[in-house]
PDB file of all heavy atoms in Angstrom:
ATOM      1  N   GLU A   1      60.625 -10.052 -22.510  1.00  0.00           N
ATOM      2  CA  GLU A   1      59.417  -9.516 -21.873  1.00  0.00           C
ATOM      3  C   GLU A   1      59.772  -8.606 -20.706  1.00  0.00           C
ATOM      4  O   GLU A   1      59.090  -7.615 -20.453  1.00  0.00           O
ATOM      5  CB  GLU A   1      58.521 -10.666 -21.398  1.00  0.00           C
ATOM      6  CG  GLU A   1      57.189 -10.203 -20.781  1.00  0.00           C
ATOM      7  CD  GLU A   1      56.325  -9.379 -21.725  1.00  0.00           C
ATOM      8  OE1 GLU A   1      56.461  -9.527 -22.963  1.00  0.00           O
ATOM      9  OE2 GLU A   1      55.493  -8.597 -21.223  1.00  0.00           O
ATOM     10  N   THR A   2      60.851  -8.939 -19.998  1.00  0.00           N
ATOM     11  CA  THR A   2      61.303  -8.087 -18.894  1.00  0.00           C
ATOM     12  C   THR A   2      61.656  -6.690 -19.387  1.00  0.00           C
ATOM     13  O   THR A   2      61.290  -5.680 -18.778  1.00  0.00           O
ATOM     14  CB  THR A   2      62.525  -8.716 -18.196  1.00  0.00           C
ATOM     15  OG1 THR A   2      62.154  -9.983 -17.662  1.00  0.00           O
ATOM     16  CG2 THR A   2      63.038  -7.820 -17.072  1.00  0.00           C
ATOM     17  N   HIS A   3      62.342  -6.618 -20.510  1.00  0.00           N
ATOM     18  CA  HIS A   3      62.721  -5.319 -21.061  1.00  0.00           C
ATOM     19  C   HIS A   3      61.531  -4.568 -21.629  1.00  0.00           C
ATOM     20  O   HIS A   3      61.449  -3.345 -21.522  1.00  0.00           O
ATOM     21  CB  HIS A   3      63.799  -5.507 -22.130  1.00  0.00           C
ATOM     22  CG  HIS A   3      65.122  -5.967 -21.582  1.00  0.00           C
ATOM     23  ND1 HIS A   3      66.198  -6.294 -22.390  1.00  0.00           N
ATOM     24  CD2 HIS A   3      65.537  -6.156 -20.306  1.00  0.00           C
ATOM     25  CE1 HIS A   3      67.206  -6.660 -21.623  1.00  0.00           C
ATOM     26  NE2 HIS A   3      66.825  -6.587 -20.361  1.00  0.00           N
ATOM     27  N   VAL A   4      60.613  -5.297 -22.231  1.00  0.00           N
ATOM     28  CA  VAL A   4      59.392  -4.665 -22.749  1.00  0.00           C
ATOM     29  C   VAL A   4      58.613  -4.032 -21.601  1.00  0.00           C
ATOM     30  O   VAL A   4      58.119  -2.893 -21.716  1.00  0.00           O
ATOM     31  CB  VAL A   4      58.530  -5.686 -23.505  1.00  0.00           C
ATOM     32  CG1 VAL A   4      57.153  -5.106 -23.834  1.00  0.00           C
ATOM     33  CG2 VAL A   4      59.242  -6.133 -24.780  1.00  0.00           C
ATOM     34  N   GLN A   5      58.492  -4.731 -20.491  1.00  0.00           N
ATOM     35  CA  GLN A   5      57.775  -4.196 -19.349  1.00  0.00           C
ATOM     36  C   GLN A   5      58.520  -3.025 -18.725  1.00  0.00           C
ATOM     37  O   GLN A   5      57.901  -2.088 -18.198  1.00  0.00           O
ATOM     38  CB  GLN A   5      57.548  -5.296 -18.308  1.00  0.00           C
ATOM     39  CG  GLN A   5      56.542  -6.348 -18.736  1.00  0.00           C
ATOM     40  CD  GLN A   5      55.200  -5.743 -19.145  1.00  0.00           C
ATOM     41  OE1 GLN A   5      54.611  -4.940 -18.410  1.00  0.00           O
ATOM     42  NE2 GLN A   5      54.721  -6.126 -20.325  1.00  0.00           N
ATOM     43  N   LEU A   6      59.855  -3.052 -18.776  1.00  0.00           N
ATOM     44  CA  LEU A   6      60.635  -1.909 -18.293  1.00  0.00           C
ATOM     45  C   LEU A   6      60.381  -0.681 -19.151  1.00  0.00           C
ATOM     46  O   LEU A   6      60.239   0.441 -18.633  1.00  0.00           O
ATOM     47  CB  LEU A   6      62.121  -2.257 -18.271  1.00  0.00           C
ATOM     48  CG  LEU A   6      63.072  -1.128 -17.827  1.00  0.00           C
ATOM     49  CD1 LEU A   6      62.758  -0.663 -16.401  1.00  0.00           C
ATOM     50  CD2 LEU A   6      64.518  -1.590 -17.933  1.00  0.00           C
ATOM     51  N   SER A   7      60.304  -0.888 -20.463  1.00  0.00           N
ATOM     52  CA  SER A   7      59.997   0.215 -21.358  1.00  0.00           C
ATOM     53  C   SER A   7      58.637   0.829 -21.017  1.00  0.00           C
ATOM     54  O   SER A   7      58.466   2.052 -20.998  1.00  0.00           O
ATOM     55  CB  SER A   7      60.004  -0.270 -22.811  1.00  0.00           C
ATOM     56  OG  SER A   7      59.697   0.776 -23.696  1.00  0.00           O
ATOM     57  N   LYS A   8      57.674  -0.022 -20.739  1.00  0.00           N
ATOM     58  CA  LYS A   8      56.351   0.449 -20.343  1.00  0.00           C
ATOM     59  C   LYS A   8      56.401   1.224 -19.032  1.00  0.00           C
ATOM     60  O   LYS A   8      55.796   2.294 -18.887  1.00  0.00           O
ATOM     61  CB  LYS A   8      55.395  -0.735 -20.215  1.00  0.00           C
ATOM     62  CG  LYS A   8      53.969  -0.365 -19.847  1.00  0.00           C
ATOM     63  CD  LYS A   8      53.137  -1.631 -19.645  1.00  0.00           C
ATOM     64  CE  LYS A   8      51.750  -1.282 -19.131  1.00  0.00           C
ATOM     65  NZ  LYS A   8      51.116  -2.400 -18.456  1.00  0.00           N
ATOM     66  N   LYS A   9      57.157   0.717 -18.066  1.00  0.00           N
ATOM     67  CA  LYS A   9      57.293   1.373 -16.777  1.00  0.00           C
ATOM     68  C   LYS A   9      57.889   2.779 -16.925  1.00  0.00           C
ATOM     69  O   LYS A   9      57.430   3.744 -16.301  1.00  0.00           O
ATOM     70  CB  LYS A   9      58.171   0.520 -15.861  1.00  0.00           C
ATOM     71  CG  LYS A   9      58.692   1.203 -14.597  1.00  0.00           C
ATOM     72  CD  LYS A   9      57.598   1.538 -13.616  1.00  0.00           C
ATOM     73  CE  LYS A   9      58.178   2.089 -12.317  1.00  0.00           C
ATOM     74  NZ  LYS A   9      57.118   2.555 -11.400  1.00  0.00           N
ATOM     75  N   VAL A  10      58.923   2.895 -17.748  1.00  0.00           N
ATOM     76  CA  VAL A  10      59.538   4.200 -17.973  1.00  0.00           C
ATOM     77  C   VAL A  10      58.550   5.153 -18.629  1.00  0.00           C
ATOM     78  O   VAL A  10      58.438   6.324 -18.228  1.00  0.00           O
ATOM     79  CB  VAL A  10      60.805   4.062 -18.838  1.00  0.00           C
ATOM     80  CG1 VAL A  10      61.397   5.447 -19.147  1.00  0.00           C
ATOM     81  CG2 VAL A  10      61.845   3.213 -18.130  1.00  0.00           C
ATOM     82  N   ALA A  11      57.818   4.661 -19.625  1.00  0.00           N
ATOM     83  CA  ALA A  11      56.832   5.521 -20.287  1.00  0.00           C
ATOM     84  C   ALA A  11      55.775   6.009 -19.302  1.00  0.00           C
ATOM     85  O   ALA A  11      55.413   7.201 -19.301  1.00  0.00           O
ATOM     86  CB  ALA A  11      56.185   4.767 -21.440  1.00  0.00           C
ATOM     87  N   GLU A  12      55.286   5.111 -18.468  1.00  0.00           N
ATOM     88  CA  GLU A  12      54.286   5.498 -17.462  1.00  0.00           C
ATOM     89  C   GLU A  12      54.851   6.562 -16.522  1.00  0.00           C
ATOM     90  O   GLU A  12      54.166   7.527 -16.174  1.00  0.00           O
ATOM     91  CB  GLU A  12      53.853   4.275 -16.661  1.00  0.00           C
ATOM     92  CG  GLU A  12      53.053   3.271 -17.451  1.00  0.00           C
ATOM     93  CD  GLU A  12      52.896   1.936 -16.724  1.00  0.00           C
ATOM     94  OE1 GLU A  12      53.600   1.707 -15.711  1.00  0.00           O
ATOM     95  OE2 GLU A  12      52.066   1.118 -17.161  1.00  0.00           O
ATOM     96  N   SER A  13      56.100   6.368 -16.114  1.00  0.00           N
ATOM     97  CA  SER A  13      56.709   7.271 -15.131  1.00  0.00           C
ATOM     98  C   SER A  13      57.093   8.614 -15.732  1.00  0.00           C
ATOM     99  O   SER A  13      57.355   9.576 -14.998  1.00  0.00           O
ATOM    100  CB  SER A  13      57.971   6.616 -14.537  1.00  0.00           C
ATOM    101  OG  SER A  13      57.647   5.422 -13.866  1.00  0.00           O
ATOM    102  N   SER A  14      57.125   8.678 -17.066  1.00  0.00           N
ATOM    103  CA  SER A  14      57.555   9.914 -17.733  1.00  0.00           C
ATOM    104  C   SER A  14      56.406  10.829 -18.117  1.00  0.00           C
ATOM    105  O   SER A  14      56.605  12.016 -18.386  1.00  0.00           O
ATOM    106  CB  SER A  14      58.354   9.563 -18.985  1.00  0.00           C
ATOM    107  OG  SER A  14      57.503   9.063 -20.013  1.00  0.00           O
ATOM    108  N   ILE A  15      55.186  10.301 -18.179  1.00  0.00           N
ATOM    109  CA  ILE A  15      54.049  11.083 -18.649  1.00  0.00           C
ATOM    110  C   ILE A  15      53.699  12.167 -17.624  1.00  0.00           C
ATOM    111  O   ILE A  15      53.569  11.909 -16.439  1.00  0.00           O
ATOM    112  CB  ILE A  15      52.839  10.167 -18.914  1.00  0.00           C
ATOM    113  CG1 ILE A  15      53.147   9.241 -20.096  1.00  0.00           C
ATOM    114  CG2 ILE A  15      51.578  10.975 -19.183  1.00  0.00           C
ATOM    115  CD1 ILE A  15      52.109   8.155 -20.314  1.00  0.00           C
ATOM    116  N   VAL A  16      53.584  13.383 -18.126  1.00  0.00           N
ATOM    117  CA  VAL A  16      53.332  14.541 -17.257  1.00  0.00           C
ATOM    118  C   VAL A  16      51.887  14.994 -17.422  1.00  0.00           C
ATOM    119  O   VAL A  16      51.440  15.301 -18.530  1.00  0.00           O
ATOM    120  CB  VAL A  16      54.286  15.699 -17.596  1.00  0.00           C
ATOM    121  CG1 VAL A  16      54.068  16.859 -16.616  1.00  0.00           C
ATOM    122  CG2 VAL A  16      55.737  15.232 -17.566  1.00  0.00           C
ATOM    123  N   LEU A  17      51.169  15.035 -16.308  1.00  0.00           N
ATOM    124  CA  LEU A  17      49.812  15.564 -16.300  1.00  0.00           C
ATOM    125  C   LEU A  17      49.892  17.068 -16.139  1.00  0.00           C
ATOM    126  O   LEU A  17      50.294  17.585 -15.089  1.00  0.00           O
ATOM    127  CB  LEU A  17      49.019  14.940 -15.155  1.00  0.00           C
ATOM    128  CG  LEU A  17      47.572  15.417 -14.964  1.00  0.00           C
ATOM    129  CD1 LEU A  17      46.719  15.119 -16.198  1.00  0.00           C
ATOM    130  CD2 LEU A  17      46.958  14.783 -13.712  1.00  0.00           C
ATOM    131  N   LEU A  18      49.537  17.798 -17.201  1.00  0.00           N
ATOM    132  CA  LEU A  18      49.659  19.264 -17.203  1.00  0.00           C
ATOM    133  C   LEU A  18      48.363  19.963 -16.773  1.00  0.00           C
ATOM    134  O   LEU A  18      48.402  21.065 -16.233  1.00  0.00           O
ATOM    135  CB  LEU A  18      50.058  19.746 -18.591  1.00  0.00           C
ATOM    136  CG  LEU A  18      51.435  19.298 -19.098  1.00  0.00           C
ATOM    137  CD1 LEU A  18      51.644  19.765 -20.538  1.00  0.00           C
ATOM    138  CD2 LEU A  18      52.541  19.827 -18.194  1.00  0.00           C
ATOM    139  N   LYS A  19      47.237  19.319 -17.012  1.00  0.00           N
ATOM    140  CA  LYS A  19      45.945  19.917 -16.661  1.00  0.00           C
ATOM    141  C   LYS A  19      44.953  18.805 -16.373  1.00  0.00           C
ATOM    142  O   LYS A  19      44.966  17.765 -17.034  1.00  0.00           O
ATOM    143  CB  LYS A  19      45.427  20.793 -17.819  1.00  0.00           C
ATOM    144  CG  LYS A  19      44.091  21.474 -17.543  1.00  0.00           C
ATOM    145  CD  LYS A  19      43.662  22.360 -18.721  1.00  0.00           C
ATOM    146  CE  LYS A  19      42.342  23.051 -18.438  1.00  0.00           C
ATOM    147  NZ  LYS A  19      41.911  23.928 -19.569  1.00  0.00           N
ATOM    148  N   ASN A  20      44.096  19.035 -15.372  1.00  0.00           N
ATOM    149  CA  ASN A  20      43.071  18.050 -15.049  1.00  0.00           C
ATOM    150  C   ASN A  20      41.878  18.759 -14.432  1.00  0.00           C
ATOM    151  O   ASN A  20      41.580  18.631 -13.239  1.00  0.00           O
ATOM    152  CB  ASN A  20      43.627  16.997 -14.087  1.00  0.00           C
ATOM    153  CG  ASN A  20      42.770  15.748 -14.033  1.00  0.00           C
ATOM    154  OD1 ASN A  20      41.947  15.515 -14.904  1.00  0.00           O
ATOM    155  ND2 ASN A  20      42.958  14.955 -12.985  1.00  0.00           N
ATOM    156  N   LYS A  21      41.176  19.483 -15.268  1.00  0.00           N
ATOM    157  CA  LYS A  21      40.038  20.284 -14.830  1.00  0.00           C
ATOM    158  C   LYS A  21      38.939  19.392 -14.237  1.00  0.00           C
ATOM    159  O   LYS A  21      38.521  18.411 -14.845  1.00  0.00           O
ATOM    160  CB  LYS A  21      39.475  21.070 -16.026  1.00  0.00           C
ATOM    161  CG  LYS A  21      38.300  21.960 -15.693  1.00  0.00           C
ATOM    162  CD  LYS A  21      37.796  22.674 -16.946  1.00  0.00           C
ATOM    163  CE  LYS A  21      36.577  23.517 -16.657  1.00  0.00           C
ATOM    164  NZ  LYS A  21      36.050  24.153 -17.897  1.00  0.00           N
ATOM    165  N   ASP A  22      38.513  19.769 -13.066  1.00  0.00           N
ATOM    166  CA  ASP A  22      37.440  19.061 -12.359  1.00  0.00           C
ATOM    167  C   ASP A  22      37.730  17.568 -12.221  1.00  0.00           C
ATOM    168  O   ASP A  22      36.804  16.747 -12.162  1.00  0.00           O
ATOM    169  CB  ASP A  22      36.097  19.245 -13.095  1.00  0.00           C
ATOM    170  CG  ASP A  22      35.665  20.710 -13.132  1.00  0.00           C
ATOM    171  OD1 ASP A  22      35.993  21.449 -12.185  1.00  0.00           O
ATOM    172  OD2 ASP A  22      35.037  21.120 -14.117  1.00  0.00           O
ATOM    173  N   HIS A  23      39.008  17.223 -12.192  1.00  0.00           N
ATOM    174  CA  HIS A  23      39.434  15.827 -12.003  1.00  0.00           C
ATOM    175  C   HIS A  23      38.781  14.901 -13.036  1.00  0.00           C
ATOM    176  O   HIS A  23      38.302  13.810 -12.713  1.00  0.00           O
ATOM    177  CB  HIS A  23      39.120  15.356 -10.579  1.00  0.00           C
ATOM    178  CG  HIS A  23      39.744  16.205  -9.526  1.00  0.00           C
ATOM    179  ND1 HIS A  23      41.097  16.198  -9.266  1.00  0.00           N
ATOM    180  CD2 HIS A  23      39.200  17.125  -8.679  1.00  0.00           C
ATOM    181  CE1 HIS A  23      41.353  17.069  -8.285  1.00  0.00           C
ATOM    182  NE2 HIS A  23      40.224  17.644  -7.925  1.00  0.00           N
ATOM    183  N   ILE A  24      38.791  15.345 -14.285  1.00  0.00           N
ATOM    184  CA  ILE A  24      38.267  14.550 -15.380  1.00  0.00           C
ATOM    185  C   ILE A  24      38.976  13.201 -15.485  1.00  0.00           C
ATOM    186  O   ILE A  24      38.353  12.150 -15.716  1.00  0.00           O
ATOM    187  CB  ILE A  24      38.391  15.323 -16.712  1.00  0.00           C
ATOM    188  CG1 ILE A  24      37.426  16.510 -16.721  1.00  0.00           C
ATOM    189  CG2 ILE A  24      38.150  14.413 -17.906  1.00  0.00           C
ATOM    190  CD1 ILE A  24      35.961  16.120 -16.672  1.00  0.00           C
ATOM    191  N   LEU A  25      40.283  13.240 -15.298  1.00  0.00           N
ATOM    192  CA  LEU A  25      41.074  12.008 -15.279  1.00  0.00           C
ATOM    193  C   LEU A  25      41.256  11.532 -13.847  1.00  0.00           C
ATOM    194  O   LEU A  25      41.376  12.361 -12.930  1.00  0.00           O
ATOM    195  CB  LEU A  25      42.455  12.238 -15.927  1.00  0.00           C
ATOM    196  CG  LEU A  25      42.467  12.626 -17.409  1.00  0.00           C
ATOM    197  CD1 LEU A  25      43.896  12.795 -17.898  1.00  0.00           C
ATOM    198  CD2 LEU A  25      41.732  11.599 -18.257  1.00  0.00           C
ATOM    199  N   PRO A  26      41.302  10.233 -13.620  1.00  0.00           N
ATOM    200  CA  PRO A  26      41.250   9.169 -14.623  1.00  0.00           C
ATOM    201  C   PRO A  26      39.850   8.909 -15.135  1.00  0.00           C
ATOM    202  O   PRO A  26      38.849   9.146 -14.440  1.00  0.00           O
ATOM    203  CB  PRO A  26      41.784   7.967 -13.851  1.00  0.00           C
ATOM    204  CG  PRO A  26      41.402   8.223 -12.424  1.00  0.00           C
ATOM    205  CD  PRO A  26      41.541   9.708 -12.246  1.00  0.00           C
ATOM    206  N   LEU A  27      39.781   8.427 -16.363  1.00  0.00           N
ATOM    207  CA  LEU A  27      38.518   8.087 -16.988  1.00  0.00           C
ATOM    208  C   LEU A  27      38.019   6.728 -16.491  1.00  0.00           C
ATOM    209  O   LEU A  27      38.805   5.850 -16.143  1.00  0.00           O
ATOM    210  CB  LEU A  27      38.678   8.011 -18.510  1.00  0.00           C
ATOM    211  CG  LEU A  27      39.106   9.288 -19.227  1.00  0.00           C
ATOM    212  CD1 LEU A  27      39.392   8.975 -20.697  1.00  0.00           C
ATOM    213  CD2 LEU A  27      38.050  10.374 -19.120  1.00  0.00           C
ATOM    214  N   SER A  28      36.719   6.582 -16.471  1.00  0.00           N
ATOM    215  CA  SER A  28      36.120   5.292 -16.126  1.00  0.00           C
ATOM    216  C   SER A  28      36.178   4.369 -17.335  1.00  0.00           C
ATOM    217  O   SER A  28      36.001   4.802 -18.481  1.00  0.00           O
ATOM    218  CB  SER A  28      34.673   5.489 -15.691  1.00  0.00           C
ATOM    219  OG  SER A  28      34.015   4.246 -15.616  1.00  0.00           O
ATOM    220  N   LYS A  29      36.412   3.101 -17.092  1.00  0.00           N
ATOM    221  CA  LYS A  29      36.385   2.110 -18.167  1.00  0.00           C
ATOM    222  C   LYS A  29      34.963   1.722 -18.560  1.00  0.00           C
ATOM    223  O   LYS A  29      34.760   0.938 -19.498  1.00  0.00           O
ATOM    224  CB  LYS A  29      37.179   0.868 -17.767  1.00  0.00           C
ATOM    225  CG  LYS A  29      38.672   1.116 -17.663  1.00  0.00           C
ATOM    226  CD  LYS A  29      39.437  -0.158 -17.317  1.00  0.00           C
ATOM    227  CE  LYS A  29      40.910   0.126 -17.167  1.00  0.00           C
ATOM    228  NZ  LYS A  29      41.698  -1.082 -16.805  1.00  0.00           N
ATOM    229  N   ASP A  30      33.984   2.307 -17.859  1.00  0.00           N
ATOM    230  CA  ASP A  30      32.587   2.042 -18.169  1.00  0.00           C
ATOM    231  C   ASP A  30      32.041   2.979 -19.237  1.00  0.00           C
ATOM    232  O   ASP A  30      30.830   3.041 -19.462  1.00  0.00           O
ATOM    233  CB  ASP A  30      31.726   2.147 -16.915  1.00  0.00           C
ATOM    234  CG  ASP A  30      32.015   1.043 -15.927  1.00  0.00           C
ATOM    235  OD1 ASP A  30      32.446  -0.047 -16.366  1.00  0.00           O
ATOM    236  OD2 ASP A  30      31.848   1.265 -14.709  1.00  0.00           O
ATOM    237  N   LEU A  31      32.910   3.755 -19.875  1.00  0.00           N
ATOM    238  CA  LEU A  31      32.481   4.644 -20.940  1.00  0.00           C
ATOM    239  C   LEU A  31      31.714   3.877 -22.008  1.00  0.00           C
ATOM    240  O   LEU A  31      32.060   2.735 -22.345  1.00  0.00           O
ATOM    241  CB  LEU A  31      33.695   5.325 -21.571  1.00  0.00           C
ATOM    242  CG  LEU A  31      34.467   6.325 -20.707  1.00  0.00           C
ATOM    243  CD1 LEU A  31      35.831   6.619 -21.342  1.00  0.00           C
ATOM    244  CD2 LEU A  31      33.673   7.613 -20.554  1.00  0.00           C
ATOM    245  N   GLN A  32      30.708   4.503 -22.555  1.00  0.00           N
ATOM    246  CA  GLN A  32      29.920   3.864 -23.613  1.00  0.00           C
ATOM    247  C   GLN A  32      30.472   4.149 -25.006  1.00  0.00           C
ATOM    248  O   GLN A  32      30.628   3.245 -25.817  1.00  0.00           O
ATOM    249  CB  GLN A  32      28.459   4.342 -23.527  1.00  0.00           C
ATOM    250  CG  GLN A  32      27.752   3.954 -22.245  1.00  0.00           C
ATOM    251  CD  GLN A  32      27.547   2.449 -22.124  1.00  0.00           C
ATOM    252  OE1 GLN A  32      27.119   1.792 -23.054  1.00  0.00           O
ATOM    253  NE2 GLN A  32      27.890   1.923 -20.955  1.00  0.00           N
ATOM    254  N   THR A  33      30.798   5.437 -25.260  1.00  0.00           N
ATOM    255  CA  THR A  33      31.174   5.830 -26.635  1.00  0.00           C
ATOM    256  C   THR A  33      32.416   6.728 -26.625  1.00  0.00           C
ATOM    257  O   THR A  33      32.342   7.907 -26.985  1.00  0.00           O
ATOM    258  CB  THR A  33      30.010   6.567 -27.317  1.00  0.00           C
ATOM    259  OG1 THR A  33      29.635   7.706 -26.490  1.00  0.00           O
ATOM    260  CG2 THR A  33      28.828   5.658 -27.524  1.00  0.00           C
ATOM    261  N   PRO A  34      33.567   6.224 -26.206  1.00  0.00           N
ATOM    262  CA  PRO A  34      34.790   7.039 -26.269  1.00  0.00           C
ATOM    263  C   PRO A  34      35.250   7.204 -27.720  1.00  0.00           C
ATOM    264  O   PRO A  34      35.035   6.323 -28.559  1.00  0.00           O
ATOM    265  CB  PRO A  34      35.786   6.235 -25.461  1.00  0.00           C
ATOM    266  CG  PRO A  34      35.327   4.820 -25.579  1.00  0.00           C
ATOM    267  CD  PRO A  34      33.822   4.884 -25.648  1.00  0.00           C
ATOM    268  N   TYR A  35      35.893   8.333 -27.968  1.00  0.00           N
ATOM    269  CA  TYR A  35      36.339   8.660 -29.317  1.00  0.00           C
ATOM    270  C   TYR A  35      37.826   8.983 -29.281  1.00  0.00           C
ATOM    271  O   TYR A  35      38.256   9.835 -28.501  1.00  0.00           O
ATOM    272  CB  TYR A  35      35.531   9.847 -29.841  1.00  0.00           C
ATOM    273  CG  TYR A  35      35.910  10.366 -31.220  1.00  0.00           C
ATOM    274  CD1 TYR A  35      36.314   9.511 -32.240  1.00  0.00           C
ATOM    275  CD2 TYR A  35      35.817  11.736 -31.499  1.00  0.00           C
ATOM    276  CE1 TYR A  35      36.624   9.994 -33.494  1.00  0.00           C
ATOM    277  CE2 TYR A  35      36.119  12.238 -32.755  1.00  0.00           C
ATOM    278  CZ  TYR A  35      36.530  11.366 -33.757  1.00  0.00           C
ATOM    279  OH  TYR A  35      36.831  11.842 -35.007  1.00  0.00           O
ATOM    280  N   VAL A  36      38.606   8.299 -30.076  1.00  0.00           N
ATOM    281  CA  VAL A  36      40.037   8.561 -30.210  1.00  0.00           C
ATOM    282  C   VAL A  36      40.298   9.151 -31.582  1.00  0.00           C
ATOM    283  O   VAL A  36      39.857   8.603 -32.593  1.00  0.00           O
ATOM    284  CB  VAL A  36      40.872   7.275 -30.016  1.00  0.00           C
ATOM    285  CG1 VAL A  36      42.355   7.567 -30.207  1.00  0.00           C
ATOM    286  CG2 VAL A  36      40.624   6.695 -28.629  1.00  0.00           C
ATOM    287  N   THR A  37      41.026  10.257 -31.615  1.00  0.00           N
ATOM    288  CA  THR A  37      41.269  10.944 -32.877  1.00  0.00           C
ATOM    289  C   THR A  37      42.625  11.654 -32.816  1.00  0.00           C
ATOM    290  O   THR A  37      43.304  11.635 -31.801  1.00  0.00           O
ATOM    291  CB  THR A  37      40.126  11.937 -33.179  1.00  0.00           C
ATOM    292  OG1 THR A  37      40.296  12.479 -34.495  1.00  0.00           O
ATOM    293  CG2 THR A  37      40.078  13.065 -32.161  1.00  0.00           C
ATOM    294  N   GLY A  38      42.983  12.281 -33.908  1.00  0.00           N
ATOM    295  CA  GLY A  38      44.233  13.016 -33.972  1.00  0.00           C
ATOM    296  C   GLY A  38      45.271  12.347 -34.858  1.00  0.00           C
ATOM    297  O   GLY A  38      45.232  11.128 -35.085  1.00  0.00           O
ATOM    298  N   PRO A  39      46.223  13.126 -35.362  1.00  0.00           N
ATOM    299  CA  PRO A  39      47.163  12.621 -36.360  1.00  0.00           C
ATOM    300  C   PRO A  39      48.131  11.566 -35.843  1.00  0.00           C
ATOM    301  O   PRO A  39      48.724  10.835 -36.643  1.00  0.00           O
ATOM    302  CB  PRO A  39      47.937  13.886 -36.785  1.00  0.00           C
ATOM    303  CG  PRO A  39      47.823  14.800 -35.600  1.00  0.00           C
ATOM    304  CD  PRO A  39      46.464  14.541 -35.043  1.00  0.00           C
ATOM    305  N   PHE A  40      48.315  11.483 -34.517  1.00  0.00           N
ATOM    306  CA  PHE A  40      49.274  10.511 -33.980  1.00  0.00           C
ATOM    307  C   PHE A  40      48.609   9.458 -33.101  1.00  0.00           C
ATOM    308  O   PHE A  40      49.280   8.720 -32.395  1.00  0.00           O
ATOM    309  CB  PHE A  40      50.362  11.246 -33.190  1.00  0.00           C
ATOM    310  CG  PHE A  40      51.223  12.108 -34.060  1.00  0.00           C
ATOM    311  CD1 PHE A  40      51.185  13.477 -33.950  1.00  0.00           C
ATOM    312  CD2 PHE A  40      52.061  11.531 -35.012  1.00  0.00           C
ATOM    313  CE1 PHE A  40      51.970  14.281 -34.774  1.00  0.00           C
ATOM    314  CE2 PHE A  40      52.842  12.302 -35.837  1.00  0.00           C
ATOM    315  CZ  PHE A  40      52.808  13.700 -35.723  1.00  0.00           C
ATOM    316  N   ALA A  41      47.283   9.371 -33.167  1.00  0.00           N
ATOM    317  CA  ALA A  41      46.574   8.392 -32.355  1.00  0.00           C
ATOM    318  C   ALA A  41      46.940   6.964 -32.748  1.00  0.00           C
ATOM    319  O   ALA A  41      46.980   6.061 -31.905  1.00  0.00           O
ATOM    320  CB  ALA A  41      45.063   8.604 -32.471  1.00  0.00           C
TER     321      ALA A  41
END
């Protein structure tokens, strides 16, 4: 579990935010109807 959490930590630290128009992110968890799509979702 320690290594699994380390893998997660690295992934979080590696993600690059390239665009954030009008501070859309972060999203609220109170969303009613979020949609996830795409070939690698």
